[in-house]
């Protein structure tokens, strides 16, 4: 475009002259000089398209091209991932991968593995049934779980390990047995390096545990909730059990409240186990200690603590009908232990030093001597005497029966009972009870035979020994026989006036 000159005004002649003779500095390269039909000349310029050179439009186009490249790359990556995932899922549901999983479980557990209805999707593995079986040398015999499922890591498809957070099963049965010496512990050799199957937690909401012959187990736990952690905060395998019903051969049924068990090599630490009575939620029985399942020649002992536990929950309902109440353990050396020796016929022995729980009396009833005392002393309280304080003793229980030893029940001013009582496994009763009757009650009794069979006063009571027999349903004793056999001391009776006939009071006086 021509640059404006410094001259602001031109005449008509100057304008025409400039048109006819353009200045030499005007370049013709921008156009072509042509002569019109009327003789005038002009510069013909080639038309050009106007194009915008705006910088912001250039940046928008560049960004758009970059996004298109990114989207294309992402789509390609997604396609590759989907292809890889699909290939992995197809491989994971194949027979070779299933056999690989079986080998990994066998190497990690040391058991023979039976896997049924196994299938895998990109995030979860599911098995209809999993059975692990161990040799006779292991305390574990069989674990049978149904409806197992686990969230697995994608690395499990390509690596040599099966990794995930948690395994859940609908239900399971764990069978335990007595290890047999000389038999192997594992059915498969252990692998080198870390375990090939690694999950943080194994949970079974409906678990059954059996010890011994599955048909007639020594101990059985059913309807429990189990949670197993291969590595807890202490780096040990840990088993947590909640709720459930416990039955043991020859022992009263009980309920499991909760249990914390840790495994340390071949030893099992019962960190805490709380039991409840079968039909009562108030009292508790707690156990803790170490179990040695692989030392058949060494006894394992668990410390026992009772708090307001029903006496019938340990002695059984039969003996509980004769002596009832709530008891708490008393700290005593060489007592308050559950002792047993691992073996096919493991015989457990329980010994507890106890006293009646606070605010809970001990009551005795059902023995014939109590009913006889109530008639002789003309006081119905003696049929069901209650001992609110100072009721102590030692309870021993085995599979052969239960013994209450060192009994010392007192109700001052009325009755005291000492001695021992045993109920055998066939419910037969035996024992000797020292019965103390308040001295004042004996001396004021109208039946002089009671005075004849009781000894001299001691601790405020007149004592006699009663031998217990019979069975738990129909107990017997020799108290009435002692009364009948008592010899009354001879007394001088004043002769009546006249013919010496006895008076009415003498004829009607009780013997």
Protein backbone atom coordinates (compact mmCIF):
# COMPACT_ATOMS: atom_id res chain seq x y z
CA UNK A 1 0.00 0.00 0.00
CA UNK A 2 1.45 3.50 -1.00
CA UNK A 3 2.79 5.49 1.86
CA UNK A 4 1.18 8.90 2.32
CA UNK A 5 3.36 11.88 1.37
CA UNK A 6 3.96 14.92 3.48
CA UNK A 7 1.89 17.06 1.07
CA UNK A 8 -1.68 17.22 2.21
CA UNK A 9 -3.31 18.93 -0.83
CA UNK A 10 -2.97 18.33 -4.55
CA UNK A 11 -4.45 20.18 -7.54
CA UNK A 12 -6.50 18.46 -10.20
CA UNK A 13 -3.66 18.63 -12.72
CA UNK A 14 -1.23 17.12 -10.22
CA UNK A 15 -3.57 14.26 -9.47
CA UNK A 16 -4.03 13.50 -13.20
CA UNK A 17 -0.33 13.73 -13.77
CA UNK A 18 0.43 11.35 -10.92
CA UNK A 19 -2.08 8.91 -12.29
CA UNK A 20 -0.51 9.04 -15.73
CA UNK A 21 3.03 8.89 -14.45
CA UNK A 22 3.24 6.83 -11.26
CA UNK A 23 6.29 7.34 -9.18
CA UNK A 24 9.28 5.17 -9.90
CA UNK A 25 9.42 3.86 -6.32
CA UNK A 26 6.07 2.13 -6.73
CA UNK A 27 7.00 -1.49 -7.31
CA UNK A 28 5.27 -3.28 -10.14
CA UNK A 29 5.95 -6.60 -8.66
CA UNK A 30 2.67 -6.43 -6.86
CA UNK A 31 0.72 -6.21 -10.12
CA UNK A 32 0.72 -5.81 -13.91
CA UNK A 33 0.52 -2.48 -15.75
CA UNK A 34 -2.28 -2.54 -18.35
CA UNK A 35 -3.76 0.05 -20.75
CA UNK A 36 -7.47 0.44 -20.91
CA UNK A 37 -9.49 0.97 -24.11
CA UNK A 38 -9.72 4.68 -23.42
CA UNK A 39 -5.94 4.91 -23.27
CA UNK A 40 -5.63 5.09 -19.55
CA UNK A 41 -3.30 2.81 -17.67
CA UNK A 42 -3.77 0.91 -14.47
CA UNK A 43 -2.07 -1.73 -12.42
CA UNK A 44 -3.93 -4.99 -12.30
CA UNK A 45 -3.35 -6.78 -9.00
CA UNK A 46 -4.05 -10.49 -8.57
CA UNK A 47 -6.78 -11.15 -6.06
CA UNK A 48 -5.73 -12.95 -2.90
CA UNK A 49 -7.74 -14.71 -0.24
CA UNK A 50 -7.71 -13.12 3.12
CA UNK A 51 -6.39 -15.52 5.72
CA UNK A 52 -6.44 -15.06 9.46
CA UNK A 53 -3.18 -15.48 11.27
CA UNK A 54 -4.78 -15.43 14.84
CA UNK A 55 -2.48 -17.20 17.42
CA UNK A 56 -5.34 -18.43 19.64
CA UNK A 57 -6.89 -20.39 16.79
CA UNK A 58 -3.59 -22.10 16.18
CA UNK A 59 -3.36 -23.20 19.83
CA UNK A 60 -6.93 -24.57 19.77
CA UNK A 61 -6.17 -26.64 16.70
CA UNK A 62 -2.95 -27.94 18.26
CA UNK A 63 -4.75 -28.93 21.50
CA UNK A 64 -7.51 -30.64 19.55
CA UNK A 65 -5.02 -32.72 17.65
CA UNK A 66 -3.28 -33.66 20.94
CA UNK A 67 -6.57 -34.79 22.50
CA UNK A 68 -7.37 -36.88 19.50
CA UNK A 69 -4.00 -38.58 19.82
CA UNK A 70 -4.57 -39.17 23.53
CA UNK A 71 -8.05 -40.60 23.02
CA UNK A 72 -6.76 -42.89 20.35
CA UNK A 73 -3.98 -44.08 22.67
CA UNK A 74 -6.40 -44.66 25.55
CA UNK A 75 -8.78 -46.58 23.30
CA UNK A 76 -5.93 -48.70 22.10
CA UNK A 77 -4.81 -49.33 25.67
CA UNK A 78 -8.36 -50.23 26.76
CA UNK A 79 -8.67 -52.64 23.89
CA UNK A 80 -5.36 -54.21 24.86
CA UNK A 81 -6.39 -54.45 28.54
CA UNK A 82 -9.76 -55.95 27.65
CA UNK A 83 -8.07 -58.41 25.40
CA UNK A 84 -5.56 -59.31 28.11
CA UNK A 85 -8.29 -59.55 30.78
CA UNK A 86 -10.41 -61.72 28.55
CA UNK A 87 -7.48 -63.94 27.80
CA UNK A 88 -6.65 -64.13 31.52
CA UNK A 89 -10.23 -65.03 32.46
CA UNK A 90 -10.33 -67.70 29.80
CA UNK A 91 -7.04 -69.08 31.05
CA UNK A 92 -8.16 -68.85 34.72
CA UNK A 93 -11.17 -71.00 33.97
CA UNK A 94 -9.14 -73.60 32.18
CA UNK A 95 -8.01 -76.94 33.53
CA UNK A 96 -4.30 -75.97 33.64
CA UNK A 97 -4.97 -72.95 35.85
CA UNK A 98 -7.27 -74.99 38.12
CA UNK A 99 -4.51 -77.58 38.54
CA UNK A 100 -2.07 -74.78 39.27
CA UNK A 101 -4.35 -73.42 42.01
CA UNK A 102 -4.67 -76.91 43.53
CA UNK A 103 -0.87 -77.25 43.62
CA UNK A 104 -0.47 -73.82 45.26
CA UNK A 105 -3.06 -74.63 47.96
CA UNK A 106 -1.46 -78.01 48.60
CA UNK A 107 2.02 -76.52 48.91
CA UNK A 108 0.85 -73.78 51.27
CA UNK A 109 -1.33 -75.99 53.51
CA UNK A 110 0.50 -79.32 53.37
CA UNK A 111 -2.79 -81.09 52.70
CA UNK A 112 -4.31 -83.09 49.91
CA UNK A 113 -6.70 -80.80 48.04
CA UNK A 114 -10.03 -81.50 46.41
CA UNK A 115 -11.52 -78.52 44.57
CA UNK A 116 -15.01 -78.59 43.07
CA UNK A 117 -16.93 -76.13 40.88
CA UNK A 118 -14.04 -73.70 40.62
CA UNK A 119 -14.53 -70.61 38.46
CA UNK A 120 -12.94 -67.20 38.15
CA UNK A 121 -13.97 -63.74 36.92
CA UNK A 122 -11.66 -60.69 36.66
CA UNK A 123 -11.93 -59.87 40.39
CA UNK A 124 -13.22 -62.97 42.22
CA UNK A 125 -12.56 -66.68 42.51
CA UNK A 126 -15.38 -69.01 43.58
CA UNK A 127 -15.38 -72.68 44.58
CA UNK A 128 -18.47 -74.75 45.32
CA UNK A 129 -16.50 -76.99 47.68
CA UNK A 130 -12.95 -77.23 49.01
CA UNK A 131 -11.67 -80.22 51.03
CA UNK A 132 -8.24 -80.27 52.70
CA UNK A 133 -7.04 -83.58 54.18
CA UNK A 134 -3.94 -84.01 56.37
CA UNK A 135 -2.03 -87.19 57.35
CA UNK A 136 -2.47 -88.99 60.69
CA UNK A 137 0.60 -87.30 62.15
CA UNK A 138 -1.11 -83.89 62.09
CA UNK A 139 -3.59 -82.60 64.65
CA UNK A 140 -5.59 -81.27 61.70
CA UNK A 141 -7.46 -84.04 59.91
CA UNK A 142 -9.89 -82.42 57.50
CA UNK A 143 -11.35 -79.05 56.59
CA UNK A 144 -14.47 -79.18 54.44
CA UNK A 145 -15.80 -75.78 53.33
CA UNK A 146 -18.66 -74.98 50.98
CA UNK A 147 -19.45 -71.84 49.05
CA UNK A 148 -15.94 -70.35 49.19
CA UNK A 149 -15.26 -67.05 47.43
CA UNK A 150 -12.31 -64.65 47.42
CA UNK A 151 -11.39 -61.27 45.97
CA UNK A 152 -8.11 -61.92 44.17
CA UNK A 153 -5.38 -59.63 42.90
CA UNK A 154 -4.95 -59.35 39.09
CA UNK A 155 -1.36 -60.46 39.64
CA UNK A 156 -2.71 -63.89 40.56
CA UNK A 157 -3.49 -64.59 36.91
CA UNK A 158 0.09 -64.24 35.78
CA UNK A 159 2.21 -64.84 38.89
CA UNK A 160 3.03 -67.91 40.91
CA UNK A 161 0.89 -66.89 43.91
CA UNK A 162 -2.78 -66.58 44.72
CA UNK A 163 -3.11 -63.25 46.54
CA UNK A 164 -6.10 -61.42 47.96
CA UNK A 165 -7.60 -59.74 50.96
CA UNK A 166 -10.21 -62.17 52.32
CA UNK A 167 -11.70 -65.59 51.72
CA UNK A 168 -15.33 -66.11 52.76
CA UNK A 169 -17.13 -69.45 52.96
CA UNK A 170 -20.79 -70.15 53.64
CA UNK A 171 -20.10 -73.04 56.03
CA UNK A 172 -17.33 -75.37 57.07
CA UNK A 173 -16.46 -78.44 59.17
CA UNK A 174 -13.05 -78.75 60.83
CA UNK A 175 -12.10 -82.20 62.14
CA UNK A 176 -9.24 -82.54 64.64
CA UNK A 177 -7.55 -85.69 65.86
CA UNK A 178 -4.79 -86.98 68.08
CA UNK A 179 -1.45 -86.91 66.22
CA UNK A 180 0.07 -90.34 65.77
CA UNK A 181 3.79 -90.68 66.38
CA UNK A 182 5.87 -91.59 63.35
CA UNK A 183 3.29 -90.38 60.85
CA UNK A 184 4.05 -87.40 58.55
CA UNK A 185 2.68 -83.94 59.27
CA UNK A 186 2.24 -82.95 55.63
CA UNK A 187 0.87 -84.67 52.57
CA UNK A 188 2.91 -82.39 50.26
CA UNK A 189 6.35 -80.88 50.64
CA UNK A 190 6.58 -77.27 51.71
CA UNK A 191 7.68 -74.79 49.08
CA UNK A 192 10.64 -72.45 49.38
CA UNK A 193 10.06 -68.74 49.83
CA UNK A 194 6.78 -67.08 50.82
CA UNK A 195 3.49 -68.97 50.82
CA UNK A 196 1.93 -69.26 47.41
CA UNK A 197 -1.56 -68.67 48.78
CA UNK A 198 -1.72 -65.47 50.80
CA UNK A 199 -4.94 -63.98 52.12
CA UNK A 200 -5.22 -61.64 55.08
CA UNK A 201 -8.30 -63.33 56.56
CA UNK A 202 -10.39 -66.48 56.20
CA UNK A 203 -13.97 -66.23 57.53
CA UNK A 204 -16.65 -68.91 57.99
CA UNK A 205 -19.92 -67.67 59.56
CA UNK A 206 -21.19 -71.23 60.19
CA UNK A 207 -18.35 -73.36 61.50
CA UNK A 208 -18.41 -76.76 63.15
CA UNK A 209 -15.35 -78.16 64.96
CA UNK A 210 -15.07 -81.82 65.95
CA UNK A 211 -12.37 -83.53 68.02
CA UNK A 212 -12.01 -87.27 67.55
CA UNK A 213 -14.21 -89.64 65.60
CA UNK A 214 -16.60 -87.56 63.46
CA UNK A 215 -19.41 -90.01 64.24
CA UNK A 216 -18.88 -89.77 68.03
CA UNK A 217 -16.55 -86.85 68.75
CA UNK A 218 -15.04 -86.26 72.17
CA UNK A 219 -15.72 -82.53 71.87
CA UNK A 220 -17.94 -80.77 69.35
CA UNK A 221 -18.53 -77.09 68.62
CA UNK A 222 -21.37 -76.16 66.29
CA UNK A 223 -22.97 -73.00 64.90
CA UNK A 224 -19.88 -70.93 65.59
CA UNK A 225 -18.44 -68.02 63.64
CA UNK A 226 -14.77 -68.55 62.81
CA UNK A 227 -12.13 -66.09 61.60
CA UNK A 228 -8.56 -67.17 60.84
CA UNK A 229 -5.65 -64.80 60.25
CA UNK A 230 -2.39 -66.36 59.01
CA UNK A 231 -0.43 -63.43 60.48
CA UNK A 232 -1.77 -61.32 63.31
CA UNK A 233 -0.13 -58.31 64.97
CA UNK A 234 2.31 -60.69 66.73
CA UNK A 235 3.19 -62.45 63.48
CA UNK A 236 1.40 -65.64 64.55
CA UNK A 237 -1.54 -67.52 63.04
CA UNK A 238 -4.66 -66.58 64.96
CA UNK A 239 -8.12 -68.14 65.25
CA UNK A 240 -11.09 -66.21 66.61
CA UNK A 241 -14.32 -68.01 67.47
CA UNK A 242 -17.59 -66.34 68.41
CA UNK A 243 -20.73 -67.98 69.74
CA UNK A 244 -21.60 -71.63 69.35
CA UNK A 245 -22.71 -74.67 71.34
CA UNK A 246 -20.16 -77.02 72.96
CA UNK A 247 -20.81 -80.62 73.87
CA UNK A 248 -18.18 -82.90 75.45
CA UNK A 249 -18.57 -86.58 76.21
CA UNK A 250 -19.51 -87.00 79.87
CA UNK A 251 -19.74 -83.25 80.54
CA UNK A 252 -22.67 -80.82 80.67
CA UNK A 253 -23.39 -78.84 77.52
CA UNK A 254 -22.23 -75.23 77.39
CA UNK A 255 -22.19 -72.25 75.08
CA UNK A 256 -19.13 -70.51 73.67
CA UNK A 257 -19.20 -66.76 74.05
CA UNK A 258 -15.86 -65.96 72.43
CA UNK A 259 -12.39 -67.43 72.05
CA UNK A 260 -8.95 -66.15 71.05
CA UNK A 261 -6.42 -68.81 70.01
CA UNK A 262 -2.87 -68.34 68.69
CA UNK A 263 -0.55 -70.96 67.20
CA UNK A 264 3.13 -71.03 68.15
CA UNK A 265 4.94 -73.83 66.34
CA UNK A 266 3.55 -77.08 67.70
CA UNK A 267 1.95 -75.35 70.71
CA UNK A 268 -1.45 -73.69 70.94
CA UNK A 269 -1.96 -70.69 73.19
CA UNK A 270 -5.50 -70.22 74.50
CA UNK A 271 -5.24 -66.48 75.02
CA UNK A 272 -8.81 -66.37 76.27
CA UNK A 273 -11.91 -68.54 76.06
CA UNK A 274 -15.20 -67.60 77.68
CA UNK A 275 -17.99 -70.13 78.19
CA UNK A 276 -21.58 -69.65 79.30
CA UNK A 277 -24.08 -72.04 80.80
CA UNK A 278 -26.38 -73.72 78.31
CA UNK A 279 -29.40 -71.69 79.49
CA UNK A 280 -27.92 -68.78 81.44
CA UNK A 281 -26.20 -65.55 80.39
CA UNK A 282 -25.19 -64.22 83.81
CA UNK A 283 -22.33 -66.44 84.91
CA UNK A 284 -19.08 -67.00 83.01
CA UNK A 285 -16.33 -69.62 82.92
CA UNK A 286 -12.99 -68.46 81.50
CA UNK A 287 -10.03 -70.56 80.34
CA UNK A 288 -6.49 -69.65 79.33
CA UNK A 289 -3.21 -71.47 78.98
CA UNK A 290 -1.12 -73.53 76.57
CA UNK A 291 -2.07 -76.81 74.89
CA UNK A 292 0.56 -79.29 73.70
CA UNK A 293 -1.25 -81.41 71.09
CA UNK A 294 1.91 -83.18 69.90
CA UNK A 295 3.18 -84.13 73.39
CA UNK A 296 1.01 -87.13 74.20
CA UNK A 297 3.04 -87.89 77.33
CA UNK A 298 2.68 -84.42 78.83
CA UNK A 299 -0.45 -83.05 80.44
CA UNK A 300 -1.78 -79.69 79.32
CA UNK A 301 -3.34 -77.41 81.91
CA UNK A 302 -5.64 -74.44 81.44
CA UNK A 303 -6.33 -71.98 84.22
CA UNK A 304 -10.04 -71.71 85.10
CA UNK A 305 -11.93 -68.78 86.56
CA UNK A 306 -15.61 -68.80 87.53
CA UNK A 307 -17.80 -65.80 88.15
CA UNK A 308 -21.40 -66.40 89.30
CA UNK A 309 -21.54 -69.61 87.28
CA UNK A 310 -24.40 -72.02 87.87
CA UNK A 311 -23.20 -75.00 89.90
CA UNK A 312 -25.38 -77.30 87.80
CA UNK A 313 -23.50 -76.13 84.70
CA UNK A 314 -20.49 -78.10 85.96
CA UNK A 315 -21.95 -80.85 88.14
CA UNK A 316 -24.76 -81.58 85.70
CA UNK A 317 -28.52 -81.16 86.12
CA UNK A 318 -28.91 -84.38 88.16
CA UNK A 319 -26.66 -83.29 91.01
CA UNK A 320 -27.80 -79.73 90.45
CA UNK A 321 -31.27 -80.73 91.62
CA UNK A 322 -29.78 -81.67 95.01
CA UNK A 323 -27.30 -78.80 95.46
CA UNK A 324 -27.98 -75.62 93.51
CA UNK A 325 -26.69 -72.07 93.36
CA UNK A 326 -24.11 -69.84 91.73
CA UNK A 327 -20.44 -70.16 92.54
CA UNK A 328 -17.26 -68.16 91.93
CA UNK A 329 -13.73 -69.51 91.99
CA UNK A 330 -11.43 -68.78 94.93
CA UNK A 331 -7.72 -68.25 94.11
CA UNK A 332 -5.99 -71.30 95.57
CA UNK A 333 -2.57 -72.82 94.88
CA UNK A 334 -2.69 -76.07 92.90
CA UNK A 335 -6.36 -75.60 92.09
CA UNK A 336 -8.62 -74.00 89.50
CA UNK A 337 -7.25 -75.95 86.54
CA UNK A 338 -8.57 -78.00 83.64
CA UNK A 339 -5.99 -80.72 82.98
CA UNK A 340 -5.94 -83.19 80.10
CA UNK A 341 -3.52 -85.32 78.10
CA UNK A 342 -3.82 -85.36 74.30
CA UNK A 343 -4.80 -88.77 73.06
CA UNK A 344 -7.59 -90.79 71.45
CA UNK A 345 -9.32 -91.11 74.81
CA UNK A 346 -8.27 -87.82 76.31
CA UNK A 347 -9.52 -87.74 79.90
CA UNK A 348 -9.99 -84.24 81.24
CA UNK A 349 -10.06 -83.37 84.93
CA UNK A 350 -11.43 -80.15 86.35
CA UNK A 351 -10.70 -78.90 89.87
CA UNK A 352 -12.10 -75.67 91.25
CA UNK A 353 -12.06 -74.16 94.72
CA UNK A 354 -15.29 -72.22 95.05
CA UNK A 355 -17.56 -70.21 97.26
CA UNK A 356 -21.10 -69.08 96.68
CA UNK A 357 -21.37 -65.95 94.53
CA UNK A 358 -22.14 -62.67 96.20
CA UNK A 359 -25.89 -62.25 96.80
CA UNK A 360 -26.52 -65.77 95.46
CA UNK A 361 -27.20 -68.45 98.13
CA UNK A 362 -26.57 -72.18 97.86
CA UNK A 363 -29.60 -74.37 98.45
CA UNK A 364 -29.70 -78.08 99.38
CA UNK A 365 -32.81 -80.19 98.95
CA UNK A 366 -33.99 -83.66 98.01
CA UNK A 367 -32.08 -85.64 100.66
CA UNK A 368 -34.25 -87.70 103.04
CA UNK A 369 -32.45 -86.48 106.17
CA UNK A 370 -33.63 -82.93 105.44
CA UNK A 371 -37.28 -83.93 105.41
CA UNK A 372 -36.80 -85.95 108.61
CA UNK A 373 -35.13 -82.99 110.33
CA UNK A 374 -38.02 -80.75 109.29
CA UNK A 375 -40.49 -83.14 110.98
CA UNK A 376 -38.41 -83.69 114.10
CA UNK A 377 -37.69 -79.98 114.61
CA UNK A 378 -41.13 -78.95 113.35
CA UNK A 379 -39.56 -76.40 110.97
CA UNK A 380 -40.17 -76.61 107.20
CA UNK A 381 -37.04 -74.54 106.52
CA UNK A 382 -34.96 -77.69 106.96
CA UNK A 383 -36.53 -79.28 103.87
CA UNK A 384 -34.75 -76.74 101.63
CA UNK A 385 -32.05 -75.07 103.75
CA UNK A 386 -30.44 -71.96 102.26
CA UNK A 387 -26.83 -70.90 102.89
CA UNK A 388 -26.40 -67.27 101.95
CA UNK A 389 -22.81 -66.87 103.18
CA UNK A 390 -19.88 -69.10 104.10
CA UNK A 391 -20.66 -71.75 101.48
CA UNK A 392 -17.31 -73.09 100.26
CA UNK A 393 -15.90 -76.29 98.82
CA UNK A 394 -13.81 -77.92 96.10
CA UNK A 395 -15.34 -79.30 92.91
CA UNK A 396 -13.63 -82.09 91.00
CA UNK A 397 -15.03 -83.36 87.72
CA UNK A 398 -13.82 -86.12 85.38
CA UNK A 399 -15.47 -88.38 82.85
CA UNK A 400 -16.04 -90.85 85.72
CA UNK A 401 -18.15 -88.44 87.76
CA UNK A 402 -18.14 -85.36 89.94
CA UNK A 403 -17.10 -84.89 93.58
CA UNK A 404 -17.88 -82.03 95.93
CA UNK A 405 -15.17 -82.17 98.57
CA UNK A 406 -14.35 -80.02 101.56
CA UNK A 407 -17.92 -78.76 101.75
CA UNK A 408 -18.56 -76.26 104.49
CA UNK A 409 -22.03 -74.71 104.38
CA UNK A 410 -23.28 -72.78 107.41
CA UNK A 411 -26.42 -70.98 108.40
CA UNK A 412 -25.63 -69.76 111.87
CA UNK A 413 -28.28 -70.54 114.43
CA UNK A 414 -29.79 -73.37 112.37
CA UNK A 415 -27.74 -75.80 110.29
CA UNK A 416 -24.21 -76.58 109.09
CA UNK A 417 -23.12 -79.22 106.58
CA UNK A 418 -19.59 -80.44 106.02
CA UNK A 419 -18.02 -83.38 104.18
CA UNK A 420 -17.99 -84.74 100.64
CA UNK A 421 -20.44 -86.03 98.07
CA UNK A 422 -19.73 -87.99 94.89
CA UNK A 423 -21.94 -88.73 91.88
CA UNK A 424 -20.53 -91.37 89.55
CA UNK A 425 -21.04 -91.48 85.80
CA UNK A 426 -23.98 -93.87 86.30
CA UNK A 427 -25.60 -91.27 88.62
CA UNK A 428 -24.99 -93.30 91.81
CA UNK A 429 -24.37 -91.23 94.93
CA UNK A 430 -21.93 -91.82 97.76
CA UNK A 431 -20.37 -89.78 100.51
CA UNK A 432 -20.46 -88.77 104.14
CA UNK A 433 -21.96 -85.51 105.34
CA UNK A 434 -21.41 -84.12 108.78
CA UNK A 435 -24.66 -82.46 109.78
CA UNK A 436 -24.53 -79.85 112.50
CA UNK A 437 -27.78 -78.80 114.17
CA UNK A 438 -27.88 -75.67 116.28
CA UNK A 439 -27.27 -76.62 119.92
CA UNK A 440 -30.28 -74.72 121.19
CA UNK A 441 -32.59 -76.44 118.71
CA UNK A 442 -31.40 -79.90 119.76
CA UNK A 443 -31.76 -79.18 123.44
CA UNK A 444 -35.27 -77.77 123.06
CA UNK A 445 -36.48 -80.48 120.71
CA UNK A 446 -39.27 -82.64 122.05
CA UNK A 447 -37.69 -85.70 120.39
CA UNK A 448 -34.98 -86.88 122.75
CA UNK A 449 -33.62 -89.34 120.20
CA UNK A 450 -32.05 -86.39 118.32
CA UNK A 451 -30.17 -85.47 121.46
CA UNK A 452 -29.02 -89.09 121.77
CA UNK A 453 -27.46 -89.38 118.28
CA UNK A 454 -25.73 -85.99 118.18
CA UNK A 455 -22.34 -85.39 119.71
CA UNK A 456 -21.20 -82.76 122.13
CA UNK A 457 -21.45 -79.07 121.14
CA UNK A 458 -18.78 -77.79 118.77
CA UNK A 459 -18.77 -74.39 117.05
CA UNK A 460 -22.32 -73.86 118.29
CA UNK A 461 -23.68 -77.06 116.67
CA UNK A 462 -24.41 -80.64 117.72
CA UNK A 463 -22.95 -82.94 115.06
CA UNK A 464 -23.79 -86.30 113.53
CA UNK A 465 -22.55 -88.08 110.39
CA UNK A 466 -25.00 -89.07 107.65
CA UNK A 467 -24.03 -91.63 105.01
CA UNK A 468 -25.38 -90.81 101.53
CA UNK A 469 -26.39 -93.47 99.00
CA UNK A 470 -28.91 -94.14 96.25
CA UNK A 471 -28.77 -92.23 92.98
CA UNK A 472 -29.29 -88.67 91.86
CA UNK A 473 -33.00 -89.22 91.18
CA UNK A 474 -33.74 -91.02 94.47
CA UNK A 475 -31.03 -90.26 97.02
CA UNK A 476 -30.96 -92.14 100.32
CA UNK A 477 -29.26 -91.76 103.71
CA UNK A 478 -29.17 -93.45 107.12
CA UNK A 479 -30.41 -90.59 109.29
CA UNK A 480 -33.80 -92.16 110.02
CA UNK A 481 -32.12 -95.48 110.85
CA UNK A 482 -29.93 -93.71 113.36
CA UNK A 483 -32.98 -92.14 114.98
CA UNK A 484 -34.79 -95.44 115.22
CA UNK A 485 -31.76 -97.18 116.70
CA UNK A 486 -31.07 -94.47 119.27
CA UNK A 487 -31.21 -95.60 122.89
CA UNK A 488 -32.87 -93.17 125.23
CA UNK A 489 -31.20 -92.69 128.60
CA UNK A 490 -33.10 -94.17 131.51
CA UNK A 491 -34.89 -91.59 133.62
CA UNK A 492 -36.57 -91.93 136.98
CA UNK A 493 -40.29 -91.46 136.66
CA UNK A 494 -42.14 -90.38 139.82
CA UNK A 495 -44.72 -92.89 140.98
CA UNK A 496 -48.29 -91.72 141.01
CA UNK A 497 -50.37 -91.82 144.20
CA UNK A 498 -52.39 -94.92 144.64
CA UNK A 499 -51.65 -97.91 142.46
CA UNK A 500 -48.42 -96.47 140.84
CA UNK A 501 -49.84 -96.19 137.27
CA UNK A 502 -47.90 -93.82 134.85
CA UNK A 503 -49.28 -90.35 134.29
CA UNK A 504 -50.80 -89.08 131.04
CA UNK A 505 -47.74 -86.92 130.31
CA UNK A 506 -45.47 -89.95 130.60
CA UNK A 507 -47.60 -92.02 128.29
CA UNK A 508 -47.75 -89.33 125.59
CA UNK A 509 -44.18 -88.08 125.81
CA UNK A 510 -42.41 -88.63 122.44
CA UNK A 511 -39.42 -90.93 122.42
